[in-house]
N, C-alpha and C. Protein backbone atom coordinates (compact mmCIF):
# COMPACT_ATOMS: atom_id res chain seq x y z
N MET A 1 108.73 107.64 126.29
CA MET A 1 108.13 106.48 125.63
C MET A 1 107.88 106.78 124.16
N GLU A 2 108.15 105.80 123.31
CA GLU A 2 107.82 105.96 121.90
C GLU A 2 106.32 106.12 121.75
N ASN A 3 105.89 106.84 120.71
CA ASN A 3 104.46 106.92 120.47
C ASN A 3 103.99 105.61 119.83
N VAL A 4 102.68 105.47 119.71
CA VAL A 4 102.13 104.19 119.27
C VAL A 4 102.53 103.88 117.83
N GLU A 5 102.70 104.90 117.01
CA GLU A 5 103.13 104.68 115.63
C GLU A 5 104.55 104.09 115.57
N GLU A 6 105.41 104.59 116.45
CA GLU A 6 106.78 104.07 116.48
C GLU A 6 106.81 102.62 116.98
N ILE A 7 105.97 102.33 117.95
CA ILE A 7 105.88 100.96 118.45
C ILE A 7 105.33 100.04 117.37
N GLN A 8 104.33 100.52 116.64
CA GLN A 8 103.79 99.72 115.54
C GLN A 8 104.86 99.43 114.51
N ALA A 9 105.69 100.42 114.19
CA ALA A 9 106.75 100.22 113.20
C ALA A 9 107.72 99.14 113.65
N LYS A 10 108.04 99.12 114.93
CA LYS A 10 108.95 98.08 115.44
C LYS A 10 108.31 96.70 115.39
N ILE A 11 107.02 96.64 115.69
CA ILE A 11 106.33 95.35 115.60
C ILE A 11 106.28 94.87 114.16
N ASP A 12 106.00 95.79 113.23
CA ASP A 12 105.89 95.41 111.82
C ASP A 12 107.19 94.83 111.29
N VAL A 13 108.32 95.33 111.79
CA VAL A 13 109.62 94.80 111.36
C VAL A 13 109.80 93.38 111.88
N ALA A 14 109.45 93.16 113.15
CA ALA A 14 109.67 91.85 113.77
C ALA A 14 108.60 90.84 113.39
N VAL A 15 107.35 91.29 113.25
CA VAL A 15 106.22 90.39 112.94
C VAL A 15 105.41 91.03 111.81
N PRO A 16 105.86 90.86 110.56
CA PRO A 16 105.14 91.49 109.44
C PRO A 16 103.68 91.06 109.38
N GLY A 17 102.80 92.03 109.26
CA GLY A 17 101.37 91.72 109.17
C GLY A 17 100.72 91.44 110.51
N GLY A 18 101.46 91.56 111.59
CA GLY A 18 100.89 91.24 112.90
C GLY A 18 99.94 92.29 113.41
N VAL A 19 100.16 93.55 113.04
CA VAL A 19 99.25 94.63 113.42
C VAL A 19 98.26 94.85 112.29
N LEU A 20 96.99 94.66 112.59
CA LEU A 20 95.96 94.82 111.56
C LEU A 20 95.57 96.28 111.36
N GLU A 21 95.61 97.06 112.46
CA GLU A 21 95.12 98.44 112.35
C GLU A 21 95.57 99.25 113.55
N LEU A 22 95.86 100.52 113.30
CA LEU A 22 96.05 101.47 114.38
C LEU A 22 94.73 102.18 114.59
N ILE A 23 94.15 102.04 115.78
CA ILE A 23 92.85 102.62 116.07
C ILE A 23 93.06 103.94 116.81
N SER A 24 92.65 105.02 116.18
CA SER A 24 92.85 106.35 116.76
C SER A 24 91.76 106.66 117.78
N ASN A 25 92.14 107.43 118.77
CA ASN A 25 91.21 107.91 119.80
C ASN A 25 91.22 109.43 119.75
N ALA A 26 90.10 110.00 119.36
CA ALA A 26 90.03 111.45 119.17
C ALA A 26 89.75 112.22 120.46
N SER A 27 89.56 111.51 121.57
CA SER A 27 89.29 112.20 122.83
C SER A 27 90.54 112.88 123.36
N PRO A 28 90.42 113.75 124.37
CA PRO A 28 91.61 114.44 124.90
C PRO A 28 92.71 113.52 125.40
N CYS A 29 92.34 112.32 125.88
CA CYS A 29 93.37 111.41 126.36
C CYS A 29 94.24 110.88 125.23
N ALA A 30 93.68 110.82 124.02
CA ALA A 30 94.43 110.38 122.83
C ALA A 30 95.13 109.05 123.04
N GLN A 31 94.44 108.11 123.68
CA GLN A 31 95.02 106.79 123.90
C GLN A 31 94.73 105.91 122.68
N HIS A 32 95.58 106.04 121.68
CA HIS A 32 95.44 105.22 120.48
C HIS A 32 95.81 103.78 120.82
N SER A 33 95.35 102.85 120.02
CA SER A 33 95.58 101.44 120.32
C SER A 33 95.92 100.67 119.05
N LEU A 34 96.44 99.47 119.25
CA LEU A 34 96.82 98.61 118.14
C LEU A 34 95.94 97.37 118.12
N LEU A 35 95.27 97.14 117.00
CA LEU A 35 94.48 95.94 116.80
C LEU A 35 95.39 94.88 116.20
N LEU A 36 95.56 93.76 116.91
CA LEU A 36 96.49 92.72 116.50
C LEU A 36 95.77 91.56 115.82
N ASP A 37 96.47 90.92 114.91
CA ASP A 37 96.01 89.66 114.35
C ASP A 37 96.13 88.61 115.45
N PRO A 38 95.03 87.95 115.85
CA PRO A 38 95.13 86.96 116.92
C PRO A 38 96.15 85.85 116.65
N LYS A 39 96.37 85.52 115.38
CA LYS A 39 97.34 84.48 115.07
C LYS A 39 98.74 84.88 115.48
N ALA A 40 99.00 86.19 115.54
CA ALA A 40 100.32 86.68 115.92
C ALA A 40 100.31 87.29 117.32
N GLY A 41 99.17 87.20 118.01
CA GLY A 41 99.01 87.89 119.28
C GLY A 41 100.03 87.48 120.33
N LEU A 42 100.27 86.19 120.49
CA LEU A 42 101.20 85.72 121.52
C LEU A 42 102.63 86.11 121.18
N LYS A 43 102.97 86.03 119.90
CA LYS A 43 104.33 86.41 119.48
C LYS A 43 104.57 87.89 119.70
N ILE A 44 103.58 88.72 119.38
CA ILE A 44 103.71 90.16 119.59
C ILE A 44 103.78 90.49 121.08
N ALA A 45 103.00 89.78 121.88
CA ALA A 45 103.02 90.02 123.33
C ALA A 45 104.41 89.75 123.90
N ARG A 46 105.03 88.68 123.46
CA ARG A 46 106.39 88.37 123.95
C ARG A 46 107.39 89.42 123.47
N LEU A 47 107.20 89.90 122.26
CA LEU A 47 108.07 90.96 121.74
C LEU A 47 107.93 92.23 122.58
N LEU A 48 106.69 92.59 122.90
CA LEU A 48 106.46 93.79 123.71
C LEU A 48 107.08 93.66 125.09
N ARG A 49 107.01 92.48 125.67
CA ARG A 49 107.58 92.28 127.00
C ARG A 49 109.10 92.19 126.95
N ASP A 50 109.64 91.37 126.06
CA ASP A 50 111.06 91.05 126.10
C ASP A 50 111.94 92.09 125.39
N ASN A 51 111.40 92.73 124.36
CA ASN A 51 112.23 93.66 123.57
C ASN A 51 111.86 95.13 123.76
N LEU A 52 110.61 95.39 124.11
CA LEU A 52 110.17 96.78 124.22
C LEU A 52 109.86 97.19 125.66
N GLY A 53 110.07 96.29 126.60
CA GLY A 53 110.02 96.65 128.00
C GLY A 53 108.67 96.67 128.68
N PHE A 54 107.60 96.24 128.00
CA PHE A 54 106.27 96.27 128.62
C PHE A 54 106.10 95.01 129.48
N ASP A 55 106.51 95.15 130.74
CA ASP A 55 106.59 94.00 131.62
C ASP A 55 105.36 93.78 132.49
N TYR A 56 104.34 94.64 132.35
CA TYR A 56 103.18 94.53 133.24
C TYR A 56 101.90 94.84 132.48
N CYS A 57 100.90 93.99 132.64
CA CYS A 57 99.56 94.24 132.11
C CYS A 57 98.69 94.64 133.30
N SER A 58 98.25 95.90 133.31
CA SER A 58 97.48 96.40 134.45
C SER A 58 96.01 96.05 134.36
N ASN A 59 95.52 95.87 133.14
CA ASN A 59 94.08 95.68 132.99
C ASN A 59 93.78 94.96 131.68
N ALA A 60 92.84 94.04 131.75
CA ALA A 60 92.32 93.38 130.55
C ALA A 60 90.80 93.37 130.67
N THR A 61 90.13 93.75 129.61
CA THR A 61 88.67 93.82 129.66
C THR A 61 88.09 93.40 128.32
N GLY A 62 86.79 93.22 128.28
CA GLY A 62 86.12 92.79 127.06
C GLY A 62 85.24 93.87 126.48
N VAL A 63 84.94 93.74 125.19
CA VAL A 63 84.01 94.63 124.49
C VAL A 63 83.14 93.77 123.59
N ASP A 64 81.87 94.10 123.51
CA ASP A 64 80.94 93.38 122.65
C ASP A 64 80.49 94.29 121.52
N TYR A 65 80.68 93.82 120.29
CA TYR A 65 80.19 94.54 119.11
C TYR A 65 79.10 93.67 118.46
N PRO A 66 77.81 93.95 118.73
CA PRO A 66 76.73 93.16 118.11
C PRO A 66 76.70 93.34 116.60
N ASP A 67 75.90 92.51 115.95
CA ASP A 67 75.70 92.65 114.51
C ASP A 67 75.20 94.05 114.19
N GLN A 68 75.71 94.62 113.10
CA GLN A 68 75.28 95.94 112.65
C GLN A 68 74.57 95.79 111.30
N VAL A 69 73.39 96.36 111.22
CA VAL A 69 72.61 96.32 109.97
C VAL A 69 72.74 97.66 109.28
N GLU A 70 73.23 97.64 108.05
CA GLU A 70 73.42 98.86 107.26
C GLU A 70 72.40 98.92 106.13
N GLN A 71 71.78 100.07 105.99
CA GLN A 71 70.85 100.29 104.89
C GLN A 71 71.64 100.81 103.68
N VAL A 72 71.66 100.03 102.62
CA VAL A 72 72.41 100.39 101.42
C VAL A 72 71.43 100.75 100.30
N LYS A 73 71.61 101.95 99.76
CA LYS A 73 70.74 102.41 98.68
C LYS A 73 71.43 102.21 97.33
N ASN A 74 70.69 101.63 96.38
CA ASN A 74 71.22 101.41 95.04
C ASN A 74 70.20 101.88 94.01
N LYS A 75 70.70 102.48 92.95
CA LYS A 75 69.83 102.89 91.86
C LYS A 75 69.86 101.82 90.77
N VAL A 76 68.67 101.34 90.41
CA VAL A 76 68.56 100.27 89.41
C VAL A 76 67.51 100.67 88.38
N MET A 77 67.65 100.09 87.21
CA MET A 77 66.67 100.33 86.13
C MET A 77 65.61 99.25 86.18
N LYS A 78 64.34 99.66 86.21
CA LYS A 78 63.25 98.71 86.25
C LYS A 78 62.14 99.14 85.30
N ASP A 79 61.38 98.13 84.86
CA ASP A 79 60.27 98.40 83.96
C ASP A 79 59.08 98.88 84.78
N VAL A 80 58.64 100.11 84.49
CA VAL A 80 57.48 100.68 85.17
C VAL A 80 56.47 101.11 84.11
N ASP A 81 55.35 100.40 84.05
CA ASP A 81 54.31 100.70 83.06
C ASP A 81 54.87 100.70 81.65
N GLY A 82 55.74 99.73 81.36
CA GLY A 82 56.28 99.60 80.02
C GLY A 82 57.45 100.50 79.72
N GLU A 83 57.90 101.26 80.69
CA GLU A 83 59.05 102.14 80.48
C GLU A 83 60.15 101.82 81.48
N GLN A 84 61.38 101.91 80.99
CA GLN A 84 62.53 101.72 81.86
C GLN A 84 62.77 102.99 82.67
N GLN A 85 62.70 102.83 83.97
CA GLN A 85 62.92 103.98 84.84
C GLN A 85 63.96 103.62 85.91
N GLU A 86 64.68 104.64 86.30
CA GLU A 86 65.66 104.45 87.36
C GLU A 86 64.99 104.67 88.71
N ILE A 87 65.03 103.65 89.54
CA ILE A 87 64.43 103.76 90.87
C ILE A 87 65.48 103.40 91.92
N GLU A 88 65.18 103.78 93.13
CA GLU A 88 66.12 103.53 94.24
C GLU A 88 65.62 102.36 95.07
N GLU A 89 66.48 101.37 95.23
CA GLU A 89 66.17 100.23 96.06
C GLU A 89 67.03 100.28 97.33
N VAL A 90 66.46 99.83 98.42
CA VAL A 90 67.18 99.78 99.70
C VAL A 90 67.32 98.32 100.12
N THR A 91 68.53 97.92 100.34
CA THR A 91 68.80 96.56 100.81
C THR A 91 69.53 96.64 102.15
N GLU A 92 69.39 95.60 102.92
CA GLU A 92 70.06 95.55 104.21
C GLU A 92 71.30 94.67 104.13
N VAL A 93 72.41 95.20 104.61
CA VAL A 93 73.65 94.44 104.68
C VAL A 93 74.00 94.25 106.16
N VAL A 94 74.17 93.00 106.56
CA VAL A 94 74.46 92.69 107.96
C VAL A 94 75.97 92.51 108.13
N HIS A 95 76.56 93.32 109.00
CA HIS A 95 77.97 93.18 109.34
C HIS A 95 78.06 92.36 110.63
N PRO A 96 78.62 91.15 110.56
CA PRO A 96 78.63 90.28 111.74
C PRO A 96 79.34 90.92 112.93
N GLY A 97 78.80 90.71 114.12
CA GLY A 97 79.40 91.23 115.33
C GLY A 97 80.63 90.45 115.74
N ARG A 98 81.38 91.03 116.67
CA ARG A 98 82.59 90.39 117.18
C ARG A 98 82.74 90.71 118.67
N LEU A 99 83.61 89.93 119.30
CA LEU A 99 84.00 90.18 120.67
C LEU A 99 85.45 90.62 120.68
N GLU A 100 85.81 91.42 121.67
CA GLU A 100 87.15 91.98 121.69
C GLU A 100 87.74 91.89 123.09
N ALA A 101 89.03 91.63 123.16
CA ALA A 101 89.79 91.71 124.41
C ALA A 101 90.76 92.87 124.29
N VAL A 102 90.80 93.72 125.33
CA VAL A 102 91.62 94.92 125.34
C VAL A 102 92.58 94.85 126.52
N TYR A 103 93.86 95.10 126.25
CA TYR A 103 94.90 95.01 127.29
C TYR A 103 95.62 96.34 127.42
N HIS A 104 95.85 96.78 128.67
CA HIS A 104 96.61 98.00 128.96
C HIS A 104 97.98 97.60 129.53
N LEU A 105 99.04 97.96 128.81
CA LEU A 105 100.38 97.52 129.16
C LEU A 105 101.22 98.69 129.67
N TYR A 106 102.10 98.36 130.61
CA TYR A 106 103.02 99.35 131.17
C TYR A 106 104.41 98.73 131.29
N SER A 107 105.39 99.59 131.38
CA SER A 107 106.74 99.19 131.76
C SER A 107 107.01 99.72 133.16
N MET A 108 107.08 98.81 134.12
CA MET A 108 107.38 99.22 135.48
C MET A 108 108.84 99.66 135.60
N ALA A 109 109.71 98.98 134.86
CA ALA A 109 111.14 99.29 134.94
C ALA A 109 111.46 100.64 134.32
N GLU A 110 110.81 100.93 133.19
CA GLU A 110 111.12 102.17 132.46
C GLU A 110 110.09 103.27 132.71
N ARG A 111 109.06 102.97 133.52
CA ARG A 111 108.01 103.94 133.85
C ARG A 111 107.36 104.54 132.60
N LYS A 112 106.87 103.66 131.75
CA LYS A 112 106.20 104.13 130.55
C LYS A 112 104.90 103.36 130.34
N GLY A 113 104.00 104.00 129.63
CA GLY A 113 102.71 103.39 129.34
C GLY A 113 101.60 104.41 129.53
N PRO A 114 100.37 104.07 129.23
CA PRO A 114 99.99 102.73 128.79
C PRO A 114 100.12 102.55 127.28
N LEU A 115 100.32 101.31 126.88
CA LEU A 115 100.17 100.89 125.49
C LEU A 115 98.95 99.98 125.47
N ILE A 116 98.01 100.29 124.58
CA ILE A 116 96.77 99.52 124.52
C ILE A 116 96.77 98.64 123.28
N ILE A 117 96.58 97.34 123.49
CA ILE A 117 96.49 96.41 122.38
C ILE A 117 95.14 95.69 122.44
N ARG A 118 94.65 95.31 121.25
CA ARG A 118 93.34 94.68 121.13
C ARG A 118 93.44 93.44 120.25
N MET A 119 92.55 92.49 120.50
CA MET A 119 92.35 91.35 119.60
C MET A 119 90.85 91.09 119.49
N ARG A 120 90.40 90.73 118.29
CA ARG A 120 88.98 90.49 118.06
C ARG A 120 88.73 89.08 117.56
N THR A 121 87.58 88.52 117.98
CA THR A 121 87.18 87.21 117.49
C THR A 121 86.61 87.34 116.08
N GLN A 122 86.40 86.20 115.43
CA GLN A 122 85.82 86.23 114.08
C GLN A 122 84.34 86.58 114.12
N ASP A 123 83.63 86.13 115.15
CA ASP A 123 82.21 86.45 115.29
C ASP A 123 81.84 86.34 116.77
N ARG A 124 80.54 86.32 117.05
CA ARG A 124 80.08 86.27 118.45
C ARG A 124 79.50 84.92 118.83
N GLU A 125 79.44 83.98 117.90
CA GLU A 125 78.73 82.73 118.16
C GLU A 125 79.62 81.50 118.15
N GLN A 126 80.25 81.24 117.02
CA GLN A 126 81.02 80.01 116.86
C GLN A 126 82.52 80.21 117.02
N ASN A 127 83.05 81.23 116.39
CA ASN A 127 84.50 81.47 116.38
C ASN A 127 84.84 82.56 117.38
N VAL A 128 84.89 82.17 118.65
CA VAL A 128 85.06 83.16 119.72
C VAL A 128 86.37 82.95 120.48
N SER A 129 87.35 82.32 119.84
CA SER A 129 88.61 82.03 120.51
C SER A 129 89.67 83.10 120.23
N LEU A 130 90.46 83.39 121.24
CA LEU A 130 91.63 84.25 121.13
C LEU A 130 92.77 83.61 121.91
N PRO A 131 94.02 83.91 121.58
CA PRO A 131 95.11 83.36 122.37
C PRO A 131 95.19 84.03 123.75
N SER A 132 95.40 83.24 124.77
CA SER A 132 95.59 83.80 126.11
C SER A 132 96.95 84.48 126.19
N LEU A 133 96.97 85.65 126.82
CA LEU A 133 98.24 86.34 127.06
C LEU A 133 98.74 86.12 128.48
N THR A 134 98.08 85.25 129.23
CA THR A 134 98.52 84.92 130.57
C THR A 134 99.93 84.32 130.60
N PRO A 135 100.33 83.50 129.60
CA PRO A 135 101.71 83.00 129.62
C PRO A 135 102.76 84.11 129.53
N VAL A 136 102.37 85.28 129.05
CA VAL A 136 103.30 86.41 128.94
C VAL A 136 103.19 87.31 130.16
N TRP A 137 101.95 87.67 130.52
CA TRP A 137 101.71 88.52 131.69
C TRP A 137 100.78 87.77 132.63
N ARG A 138 101.29 87.30 133.75
CA ARG A 138 100.50 86.49 134.68
C ARG A 138 99.31 87.26 135.24
N SER A 139 99.41 88.58 135.25
CA SER A 139 98.31 89.40 135.76
C SER A 139 97.05 89.28 134.91
N CYS A 140 97.15 88.69 133.73
CA CYS A 140 95.97 88.53 132.86
C CYS A 140 95.09 87.36 133.30
N GLU A 141 95.59 86.50 134.16
CA GLU A 141 94.89 85.24 134.43
C GLU A 141 93.43 85.44 134.88
N PHE A 142 93.22 86.19 135.95
CA PHE A 142 91.87 86.36 136.46
C PHE A 142 91.05 87.29 135.58
N GLN A 143 91.71 88.23 134.94
CA GLN A 143 90.97 89.17 134.09
C GLN A 143 90.50 88.49 132.81
N GLU A 144 91.29 87.57 132.25
CA GLU A 144 90.80 86.80 131.10
C GLU A 144 89.67 85.87 131.51
N ARG A 145 89.74 85.34 132.72
CA ARG A 145 88.63 84.52 133.20
C ARG A 145 87.36 85.34 133.31
N GLU A 146 87.48 86.59 133.75
CA GLU A 146 86.32 87.47 133.84
C GLU A 146 85.74 87.75 132.44
N ILE A 147 86.60 87.99 131.45
CA ILE A 147 86.14 88.22 130.08
C ILE A 147 85.43 86.97 129.55
N TYR A 148 86.01 85.81 129.81
CA TYR A 148 85.40 84.54 129.42
C TYR A 148 84.02 84.38 130.06
N ASP A 149 83.94 84.70 131.34
CA ASP A 149 82.71 84.52 132.10
C ASP A 149 81.61 85.47 131.64
N LEU A 150 81.95 86.74 131.42
CA LEU A 150 80.93 87.76 131.17
C LEU A 150 80.68 88.03 129.69
N TYR A 151 81.64 87.72 128.83
CA TYR A 151 81.49 87.98 127.39
C TYR A 151 81.49 86.71 126.53
N GLY A 152 82.11 85.64 127.02
CA GLY A 152 82.14 84.40 126.26
C GLY A 152 83.34 84.20 125.37
N VAL A 153 84.40 85.00 125.55
CA VAL A 153 85.63 84.80 124.78
C VAL A 153 86.38 83.60 125.36
N VAL A 154 86.77 82.67 124.50
CA VAL A 154 87.52 81.50 124.93
C VAL A 154 89.00 81.76 124.69
N PHE A 155 89.79 81.73 125.74
CA PHE A 155 91.22 82.04 125.65
C PHE A 155 92.03 80.75 125.56
N ASP A 156 92.50 80.46 124.35
CA ASP A 156 93.31 79.26 124.13
C ASP A 156 94.65 79.39 124.84
N GLY A 157 95.02 78.35 125.59
CA GLY A 157 96.29 78.38 126.30
C GLY A 157 96.21 78.95 127.70
N HIS A 158 95.01 79.33 128.13
CA HIS A 158 94.86 79.83 129.49
C HIS A 158 95.06 78.67 130.48
N PRO A 159 95.78 78.88 131.59
CA PRO A 159 96.09 77.77 132.49
C PRO A 159 94.91 77.29 133.32
N ASP A 160 93.84 78.08 133.45
CA ASP A 160 92.73 77.68 134.33
C ASP A 160 91.46 78.39 133.91
N LEU A 161 91.01 78.16 132.68
CA LEU A 161 89.87 78.90 132.14
C LEU A 161 88.57 78.31 132.66
N ARG A 162 87.93 79.02 133.56
CA ARG A 162 86.61 78.65 134.10
C ARG A 162 85.94 79.91 134.59
N ARG A 163 84.64 79.79 134.84
CA ARG A 163 83.89 80.96 135.27
C ARG A 163 84.45 81.53 136.57
N LEU A 164 84.34 82.85 136.68
CA LEU A 164 84.91 83.54 137.84
C LEU A 164 83.83 84.13 138.73
N LEU A 165 82.80 84.73 138.13
CA LEU A 165 81.74 85.39 138.89
C LEU A 165 80.42 84.63 138.86
N MET A 166 80.11 84.00 137.74
CA MET A 166 78.87 83.25 137.61
C MET A 166 79.14 81.78 137.96
N TRP A 167 78.09 81.06 138.29
CA TRP A 167 78.24 79.66 138.65
C TRP A 167 78.40 78.80 137.39
N ASP A 168 78.91 77.60 137.58
CA ASP A 168 79.29 76.75 136.44
C ASP A 168 78.12 76.43 135.52
N GLU A 169 76.92 76.29 136.07
CA GLU A 169 75.77 75.91 135.25
C GLU A 169 75.19 77.08 134.45
N PHE A 170 75.62 78.28 134.73
CA PHE A 170 75.11 79.46 134.03
C PHE A 170 75.54 79.40 132.57
N THR A 171 74.63 79.71 131.67
CA THR A 171 74.92 79.50 130.24
C THR A 171 74.97 80.78 129.42
N ASP A 172 74.73 81.92 130.03
CA ASP A 172 74.68 83.17 129.26
C ASP A 172 75.89 84.05 129.61
N PHE A 173 75.94 85.24 129.00
CA PHE A 173 77.07 86.14 129.19
C PHE A 173 76.53 87.53 129.53
N PRO A 174 76.52 87.90 130.82
CA PRO A 174 75.79 89.09 131.29
C PRO A 174 76.28 90.42 130.75
N MET A 175 77.51 90.52 130.23
CA MET A 175 78.00 91.80 129.75
C MET A 175 77.79 92.00 128.25
N ARG A 176 77.20 91.02 127.59
CA ARG A 176 76.89 91.23 126.17
C ARG A 176 75.71 92.18 126.04
N LYS A 177 75.71 92.95 124.98
CA LYS A 177 74.72 94.01 124.83
C LYS A 177 73.31 93.49 124.58
N ASP A 178 73.19 92.23 124.14
CA ASP A 178 71.86 91.68 123.91
C ASP A 178 71.41 90.77 125.06
N TYR A 179 72.13 90.81 126.17
CA TYR A 179 71.74 89.99 127.33
C TYR A 179 70.44 90.51 127.92
N VAL A 180 69.55 89.59 128.28
CA VAL A 180 68.26 89.93 128.86
C VAL A 180 68.22 89.42 130.29
N ASP A 181 67.95 90.32 131.23
CA ASP A 181 67.85 89.91 132.64
C ASP A 181 66.72 88.90 132.81
N PRO A 182 66.92 87.90 133.67
CA PRO A 182 65.85 86.92 133.92
C PRO A 182 64.72 87.53 134.72
N ASP A 183 63.52 86.95 134.61
CA ASP A 183 62.38 87.42 135.39
C ASP A 183 62.51 87.00 136.85
N ASP A 184 63.20 85.89 137.08
CA ASP A 184 63.29 85.34 138.43
C ASP A 184 64.73 84.96 138.72
N TYR A 185 65.32 85.57 139.71
CA TYR A 185 66.69 85.27 140.05
C TYR A 185 66.82 84.05 140.96
N GLU A 186 65.70 83.45 141.31
CA GLU A 186 65.74 82.33 142.26
C GLU A 186 66.30 81.05 141.65
N TYR A 187 66.63 81.07 140.35
CA TYR A 187 67.21 79.86 139.76
C TYR A 187 68.67 79.70 140.15
N GLU A 188 69.26 80.71 140.81
CA GLU A 188 70.64 80.56 141.25
C GLU A 188 70.73 79.37 142.21
N PRO A 189 71.70 78.48 142.02
CA PRO A 189 71.74 77.23 142.80
C PRO A 189 72.18 77.45 144.25
N THR A 190 71.28 78.06 145.04
CA THR A 190 71.53 78.23 146.47
C THR A 190 70.89 77.06 147.21
N ALA A 191 71.57 76.56 148.22
CA ALA A 191 71.11 75.36 148.93
C ALA A 191 70.00 75.71 149.92
N HIS A 192 68.82 76.12 149.42
CA HIS A 192 67.73 76.56 150.28
C HIS A 192 67.29 75.44 151.22
N ASP A 193 67.10 74.23 150.67
CA ASP A 193 66.60 73.13 151.50
C ASP A 193 67.60 72.76 152.57
N THR A 194 68.88 72.77 152.24
CA THR A 194 69.91 72.43 153.22
C THR A 194 69.95 73.45 154.35
N VAL A 195 69.86 74.73 153.98
CA VAL A 195 69.86 75.79 154.98
C VAL A 195 68.63 75.68 155.87
N LEU A 196 67.46 75.41 155.30
CA LEU A 196 66.22 75.28 156.06
C LEU A 196 66.31 74.11 157.02
N ALA A 197 66.80 72.96 156.55
CA ALA A 197 66.92 71.77 157.41
C ALA A 197 67.85 72.04 158.59
N ARG A 198 68.95 72.71 158.34
CA ARG A 198 69.89 73.02 159.41
C ARG A 198 69.26 73.98 160.41
N ASN A 199 68.51 74.95 159.90
CA ASN A 199 67.84 75.90 160.77
C ASN A 199 66.82 75.21 161.67
N GLN A 200 66.05 74.28 161.12
CA GLN A 200 65.06 73.56 161.90
C GLN A 200 65.71 72.67 162.95
N ALA A 201 66.83 72.05 162.56
CA ALA A 201 67.55 71.19 163.51
C ALA A 201 68.09 71.95 164.69
N GLN A 202 68.34 73.23 164.48
CA GLN A 202 68.87 74.07 165.55
C GLN A 202 67.77 74.78 166.34
N GLY A 203 66.52 74.38 166.05
CA GLY A 203 65.40 74.95 166.79
C GLY A 203 64.87 76.24 166.21
N GLY A 204 65.19 76.51 164.96
CA GLY A 204 64.73 77.73 164.32
C GLY A 204 63.27 77.62 163.92
N VAL A 205 62.75 78.71 163.39
CA VAL A 205 61.37 78.75 162.93
C VAL A 205 61.25 78.06 161.60
N ALA A 206 60.26 77.18 161.45
CA ALA A 206 60.06 76.46 160.21
C ALA A 206 59.52 77.38 159.14
């Protein structure tokens, strides 16, 4: 199998600017990955399948990157008791958070992989859409639904995008890092009254 740099070079020829970054992994597994421009994500996915042999997506998962606050120190001149003095000011810079979808690709025919590709949303609140890769790899269908359900990524072009694990009325995303567990789990829409009525009708204990 070509290394990830060689695969990136082939993508860059076919889809200029489609790869935003090669993300290195310093761990022993050395599974480097390619961060794709979502606008070119579907085109690159088809290229990987049709031209580079990656015919199977084994896994798709989500990642949450919350807002990061950075303390930035700057030296400025200020008037102190009638004299100009250089003092250090600290300001906070907020780097907006993002959501990410990560895909592990293999070639079943050529027995190669994994190749890891990523796409990131613009933020975590309003611009949370990414292109669905289900039209390229059907195995992504339920896994993208899981990412949608637990992280809130909206996959444009998905054939059946709806919650997979949580119920339809649920409004939060349990895998986000700022998710807060509820105090009472009894709000889950279980048919308590229906079950009780049926139990009583069958001679059960009230």
